[in-house]
């Protein structure tokens, strides 16, 4: 049933402040997942999803990443969209 495929699952989206990451976060949330968005800075405006939790983390900092994963139960899935895009 649409809107319920990921109920009781948490998805962590790296690059959640970008166009692709924000879109994926919205798609997972639309299917019932809890979303944790990760980016260098917390997104604002239309890139910020209501109900999602956001963390500002430098993905090149191993200690910061370890602290992020140690902060709570492990997510069901991790999606990495960090990187550059040129149309």
Protein backbone atom coordinates (compact mmCIF):
# COMPACT_ATOMS: atom_id res chain seq x y z
CA UNK A 1 0.00 0.00 0.00
CA UNK A 2 1.51 3.38 -0.95
CA UNK A 3 2.60 5.48 1.97
CA UNK A 4 3.28 2.58 4.33
CA UNK A 5 6.16 0.56 2.84
CA UNK A 6 8.76 1.87 5.30
CA UNK A 7 6.75 2.34 8.50
CA UNK A 8 8.86 1.71 11.61
CA UNK A 9 12.08 2.07 9.58
CA UNK A 10 14.60 4.88 9.83
CA UNK A 11 16.57 6.04 6.81
CA UNK A 12 19.63 8.27 7.12
CA UNK A 13 20.18 10.42 4.02
CA UNK A 14 23.62 11.97 3.56
CA UNK A 15 23.50 15.07 1.38
CA UNK A 16 19.94 15.83 2.52
CA UNK A 17 20.44 19.55 1.83
CA UNK A 18 20.95 19.00 -1.90
CA UNK A 19 18.33 18.51 -4.57
CA UNK A 20 18.76 14.73 -4.87
CA UNK A 21 19.09 14.13 -1.13
CA UNK A 22 16.08 16.31 -0.29
CA UNK A 23 14.01 14.48 -2.91
CA UNK A 24 15.00 11.06 -1.60
CA UNK A 25 14.31 12.12 1.98
CA UNK A 26 10.83 13.28 0.94
CA UNK A 27 10.19 10.04 -0.95
CA UNK A 28 11.16 7.88 2.03
CA UNK A 29 9.08 10.04 4.39
CA UNK A 30 6.15 9.75 1.98
CA UNK A 31 6.36 5.98 2.37
CA UNK A 32 6.31 6.19 6.17
CA UNK A 33 10.02 6.14 7.04
CA UNK A 34 11.55 8.23 9.77
CA UNK A 35 14.20 10.39 8.11
CA UNK A 36 17.51 11.59 9.48
CA UNK A 37 19.05 14.15 7.15
CA UNK A 38 22.79 14.75 7.25
CA UNK A 39 24.67 17.55 5.48
CA UNK A 40 27.42 20.11 6.11
CA UNK A 41 24.72 22.52 7.28
CA UNK A 42 21.11 21.93 8.18
CA UNK A 43 18.88 22.72 5.19
CA UNK A 44 16.28 25.46 5.16
CA UNK A 45 13.29 26.40 3.09
CA UNK A 46 11.91 23.84 0.66
CA UNK A 47 14.89 21.53 1.25
CA UNK A 48 13.89 21.05 4.90
CA UNK A 49 11.39 18.25 5.43
CA UNK A 50 8.88 18.66 8.22
CA UNK A 51 9.20 15.84 10.74
CA UNK A 52 12.75 14.88 9.75
CA UNK A 53 15.69 15.17 12.11
CA UNK A 54 18.75 16.94 10.75
CA UNK A 55 22.41 16.89 11.73
CA UNK A 56 25.17 19.17 10.45
CA UNK A 57 28.20 16.90 10.03
CA UNK A 58 31.41 17.05 8.00
CA UNK A 59 31.43 13.64 6.30
CA UNK A 60 35.22 13.82 5.98
CA UNK A 61 35.56 13.86 9.78
CA UNK A 62 35.68 10.26 11.03
CA UNK A 63 35.08 11.26 14.65
CA UNK A 64 32.02 13.32 13.73
CA UNK A 65 30.60 10.41 11.74
CA UNK A 66 31.25 7.98 14.58
CA UNK A 67 29.49 10.33 17.00
CA UNK A 68 26.53 10.59 14.63
CA UNK A 69 26.11 6.82 14.46
CA UNK A 70 26.69 6.42 18.20
CA UNK A 71 23.93 8.98 18.91
CA UNK A 72 21.05 6.54 18.54
CA UNK A 73 19.91 3.18 17.26
CA UNK A 74 21.32 2.21 13.85
CA UNK A 75 19.22 3.26 10.87
CA UNK A 76 17.57 0.63 8.70
CA UNK A 77 19.24 2.14 5.64
CA UNK A 78 21.86 4.74 4.82
CA UNK A 79 21.74 6.58 1.49
CA UNK A 80 24.72 8.66 0.38
CA UNK A 81 24.07 11.45 -2.12
CA UNK A 82 27.09 13.58 -1.12
CA UNK A 83 28.95 14.88 -4.12
CA UNK A 84 28.84 17.35 -6.92
CA UNK A 85 26.28 17.68 -9.67
CA UNK A 86 26.39 19.80 -12.77
CA UNK A 87 23.30 19.89 -15.00
